[in-house]
N, C-alpha and C. Protein backbone atom coordinates (compact mmCIF):
# COMPACT_ATOMS: atom_id res chain seq x y z
N UNK A 1 93.46 114.62 125.94
CA UNK A 1 92.91 113.24 126.10
C UNK A 1 91.75 113.50 125.53
N UNK A 2 90.98 114.02 125.38
CA UNK A 2 89.66 114.34 124.56
C UNK A 2 89.67 114.02 122.74
N UNK A 3 90.96 114.74 122.58
CA UNK A 3 91.20 114.49 121.18
C UNK A 3 91.90 113.36 120.90
N UNK A 4 92.03 112.54 121.40
CA UNK A 4 93.09 111.39 121.19
C UNK A 4 91.74 110.36 121.31
N UNK A 5 91.00 110.24 122.27
CA UNK A 5 90.25 109.90 122.15
C UNK A 5 88.75 109.80 120.97
N UNK A 6 88.70 110.79 120.43
CA UNK A 6 87.90 110.78 119.44
C UNK A 6 88.65 110.35 118.36
N UNK A 7 89.79 110.71 117.77
CA UNK A 7 90.53 109.90 116.90
C UNK A 7 90.67 108.17 117.00
N UNK A 8 90.92 107.65 118.45
CA UNK A 8 90.80 106.32 118.58
C UNK A 8 89.52 105.89 118.32
N UNK A 9 88.59 106.34 118.41
CA UNK A 9 87.18 105.56 118.54
C UNK A 9 86.93 105.71 116.69
N UNK A 10 86.96 107.10 116.64
CA UNK A 10 86.94 107.43 114.82
C UNK A 10 87.83 106.11 113.89
N UNK A 11 88.87 105.71 114.17
CA UNK A 11 89.90 104.83 113.47
C UNK A 11 89.25 103.27 113.61
N UNK A 12 88.69 103.24 114.84
CA UNK A 12 88.09 102.02 115.05
C UNK A 12 86.65 101.56 114.22
N UNK A 13 86.03 102.83 113.98
CA UNK A 13 84.63 103.14 113.06
C UNK A 13 85.00 102.80 111.73
N UNK A 14 86.57 103.25 111.50
CA UNK A 14 87.20 103.03 110.06
C UNK A 14 87.29 101.71 109.93
N UNK A 15 87.40 101.08 111.41
CA UNK A 15 88.47 99.74 110.61
C UNK A 15 87.05 98.79 110.38
N UNK A 16 85.98 98.91 111.27
CA UNK A 16 84.43 98.64 111.14
C UNK A 16 83.96 98.41 109.97
N UNK A 17 83.98 99.92 109.33
CA UNK A 17 83.56 100.44 108.08
C UNK A 17 84.55 99.37 106.91
N UNK A 18 85.82 99.04 107.15
CA UNK A 18 85.98 98.87 105.81
C UNK A 18 86.62 97.14 106.36
N UNK A 19 85.31 96.75 107.15
CA UNK A 19 85.28 95.13 107.50
C UNK A 19 86.29 94.57 108.18
N UNK A 20 87.67 95.54 108.73
CA UNK A 20 88.80 94.41 109.00
C UNK A 20 88.48 94.34 110.38
N UNK A 21 87.65 94.49 111.34
CA UNK A 21 87.13 94.14 112.26
C UNK A 21 85.79 93.86 112.67
N UNK A 22 84.86 93.07 113.53
CA UNK A 22 83.72 93.14 113.25
C UNK A 22 83.13 94.12 114.16
N UNK A 23 82.01 94.48 113.88
CA UNK A 23 81.03 95.48 114.37
C UNK A 23 80.92 94.92 115.98
N UNK A 24 81.30 95.41 117.03
CA UNK A 24 81.42 95.07 118.82
C UNK A 24 79.55 95.11 119.04
N UNK A 25 79.22 94.24 119.78
CA UNK A 25 78.00 94.52 120.03
C UNK A 25 77.62 95.00 121.72
N UNK A 26 78.84 95.93 121.39
CA UNK A 26 78.74 96.60 123.03
C UNK A 26 79.12 98.17 122.42
N UNK A 27 78.50 98.90 123.90
CA UNK A 27 79.32 100.22 123.19
C UNK A 27 81.08 100.70 124.00
N UNK A 28 81.64 100.78 122.63
CA UNK A 28 83.15 100.69 123.46
C UNK A 28 83.49 101.99 123.68
N UNK A 29 82.88 103.24 123.59
CA UNK A 29 83.65 104.02 124.02
C UNK A 29 83.68 104.16 125.97
N UNK A 30 82.92 103.41 126.39
CA UNK A 30 82.96 103.61 128.24
C UNK A 30 83.97 102.79 128.01
N UNK A 31 84.21 101.69 127.69
CA UNK A 31 84.99 101.01 127.81
C UNK A 31 86.57 101.38 128.01
N UNK A 32 86.50 102.44 126.74
CA UNK A 32 87.96 102.47 126.37
C UNK A 32 88.33 103.94 127.10
N UNK A 33 87.23 104.73 127.43
CA UNK A 33 87.16 105.68 128.75
C UNK A 33 87.76 105.11 129.74
N UNK A 34 87.18 104.16 130.38
CA UNK A 34 87.84 103.06 131.79
C UNK A 34 88.70 103.32 131.96
N UNK A 35 89.51 102.53 130.73
CA UNK A 35 90.84 101.85 130.14
C UNK A 35 91.80 103.18 130.63
N UNK A 36 91.41 104.37 130.10
CA UNK A 36 92.37 105.21 129.93
C UNK A 36 92.37 105.76 131.35
N UNK A 37 91.88 106.23 131.79
CA UNK A 37 91.68 106.91 133.44
C UNK A 37 91.98 105.37 134.16
N UNK A 38 92.17 104.22 134.22
CA UNK A 38 93.00 103.11 134.68
C UNK A 38 94.15 103.37 134.85
N UNK A 39 94.68 103.46 133.79
CA UNK A 39 95.84 104.06 132.68
C UNK A 39 96.47 105.15 133.76
N UNK A 40 95.68 106.13 133.54
CA UNK A 40 96.00 107.58 134.54
C UNK A 40 96.19 107.14 135.83
N UNK A 41 95.24 106.61 136.37
CA UNK A 41 95.55 106.65 137.89
C UNK A 41 96.72 105.57 138.25
N UNK A 42 97.22 104.42 137.66
CA UNK A 42 98.23 103.79 137.85
C UNK A 42 99.43 104.40 137.68
N UNK A 43 99.44 105.65 136.43
CA UNK A 43 100.43 106.08 136.27
C UNK A 43 100.57 107.18 137.84
N UNK A 44 99.61 107.88 138.04
CA UNK A 44 99.67 108.58 138.99
C UNK A 44 100.10 107.82 140.74
N UNK A 45 99.78 107.02 140.47
CA UNK A 45 100.59 106.29 141.73
C UNK A 45 101.27 105.51 141.81
N UNK A 46 102.02 105.07 140.62
CA UNK A 46 103.70 104.50 140.38
C UNK A 46 104.22 104.91 139.77
N UNK A 47 104.29 106.02 139.10
CA UNK A 47 105.00 106.80 138.12
C UNK A 47 104.73 108.33 137.76
N UNK A 48 104.69 109.22 139.24
CA UNK A 48 103.76 110.40 138.98
C UNK A 48 104.91 111.22 137.91
N UNK A 49 105.93 111.14 138.33
CA UNK A 49 107.15 111.78 137.36
C UNK A 49 106.96 112.03 135.72
N UNK A 50 105.66 111.24 135.57
CA UNK A 50 105.79 111.03 133.86
C UNK A 50 104.62 111.93 133.24
N UNK A 51 103.94 112.37 134.05
CA UNK A 51 102.60 113.07 134.13
C UNK A 51 102.75 114.68 133.90
N UNK A 52 101.78 115.04 133.15
CA UNK A 52 101.91 116.35 133.32
C UNK A 52 101.50 117.11 134.56
N UNK A 53 102.44 118.00 134.35
CA UNK A 53 102.44 119.22 136.14
C UNK A 53 101.03 118.98 136.57
N UNK A 54 100.30 119.88 135.42
CA UNK A 54 98.51 120.63 135.83
C UNK A 54 97.92 118.96 136.37
N UNK A 55 98.11 118.12 135.63
CA UNK A 55 97.44 116.98 135.87
C UNK A 55 97.71 116.38 137.05
N UNK A 56 99.06 116.41 137.48
CA UNK A 56 99.59 115.72 138.48
C UNK A 56 98.61 116.49 140.25
N UNK A 57 99.16 117.83 139.71
CA UNK A 57 98.33 118.84 141.18
C UNK A 57 96.71 118.54 141.02
N UNK A 58 95.97 118.30 140.00
CA UNK A 58 94.82 118.04 139.81
C UNK A 58 94.25 117.28 140.86
N UNK A 59 95.31 115.58 140.31
CA UNK A 59 94.95 114.37 140.76
C UNK A 59 95.21 114.54 142.08
N UNK A 60 96.72 115.39 142.76
CA UNK A 60 96.89 115.45 144.07
C UNK A 60 95.57 115.90 144.99
N UNK A 61 95.34 116.98 144.50
CA UNK A 61 94.05 117.47 145.03
C UNK A 61 92.82 116.65 145.31
N UNK A 62 92.40 115.89 144.16
CA UNK A 62 91.79 115.10 144.44
C UNK A 62 91.63 113.72 145.04
N UNK A 63 92.81 113.10 145.36
CA UNK A 63 93.08 111.89 145.59
C UNK A 63 93.64 112.02 147.07
N UNK A 64 94.41 112.88 147.06
CA UNK A 64 95.44 112.65 148.42
C UNK A 64 94.89 113.95 149.25
N UNK A 65 94.88 115.09 149.25
CA UNK A 65 94.81 116.46 149.61
C UNK A 65 93.42 116.40 150.36
N UNK A 66 92.26 115.73 149.31
CA UNK A 66 90.88 115.91 149.87
C UNK A 66 90.55 114.77 151.10
N UNK A 67 91.78 113.95 151.59
CA UNK A 67 91.19 113.29 152.51
C UNK A 67 91.31 113.74 153.43
N UNK A 68 92.10 114.84 153.60
CA UNK A 68 92.32 115.46 154.80
C UNK A 68 91.86 116.87 155.09
N UNK A 69 91.26 116.99 156.24
CA UNK A 69 90.08 118.44 156.25
C UNK A 69 90.32 118.52 158.02
N UNK A 70 90.36 119.83 158.65
CA UNK A 70 90.33 120.32 159.70
C UNK A 70 88.96 121.30 160.25
N UNK A 71 88.67 121.58 159.43
CA UNK A 71 87.55 122.64 159.44
C UNK A 71 86.57 122.73 158.97
N UNK A 72 85.83 123.93 158.45
CA UNK A 72 84.60 124.30 157.17
C UNK A 72 85.32 124.40 156.07
N UNK A 73 86.57 125.27 156.51
CA UNK A 73 87.17 126.26 155.37
C UNK A 73 87.82 125.06 154.89
N UNK A 74 88.82 124.19 155.24
CA UNK A 74 89.34 123.15 154.62
C UNK A 74 88.64 121.87 153.82
N UNK A 75 87.66 122.04 154.21
CA UNK A 75 86.46 120.97 153.50
C UNK A 75 86.00 121.32 152.48
N UNK A 76 85.43 122.68 152.42
CA UNK A 76 84.14 123.39 151.35
C UNK A 76 84.86 124.42 150.76
N UNK A 77 85.99 125.04 150.98
CA UNK A 77 86.49 125.97 150.27
C UNK A 77 87.96 126.00 149.70
N UNK A 78 88.94 125.71 150.99
CA UNK A 78 90.25 125.36 149.99
C UNK A 78 91.38 123.95 151.04
N UNK A 79 91.48 123.24 150.92
CA UNK A 79 92.47 122.44 151.47
C UNK A 79 93.92 122.45 150.46
N UNK A 80 94.52 122.76 151.73
CA UNK A 80 96.15 122.94 151.54
C UNK A 80 96.51 123.94 150.63
């Protein structure tokens, strides 16, 4: 994702440099990053099977498993 975002921003800068698109009057990267994470979250909620396994495990821990804990160990050290 890191490389794809850098390539996309570079391509957008090239389009501005060649005057194919006008220079935006706001910071583009935060909008692009938010869009990317929005797509990832949507895929995670609705089409988990198409995502990479490591990403699914991380997101499951962050967005599902972390909602449930029974004691200090499962709250701070390890959950599930």
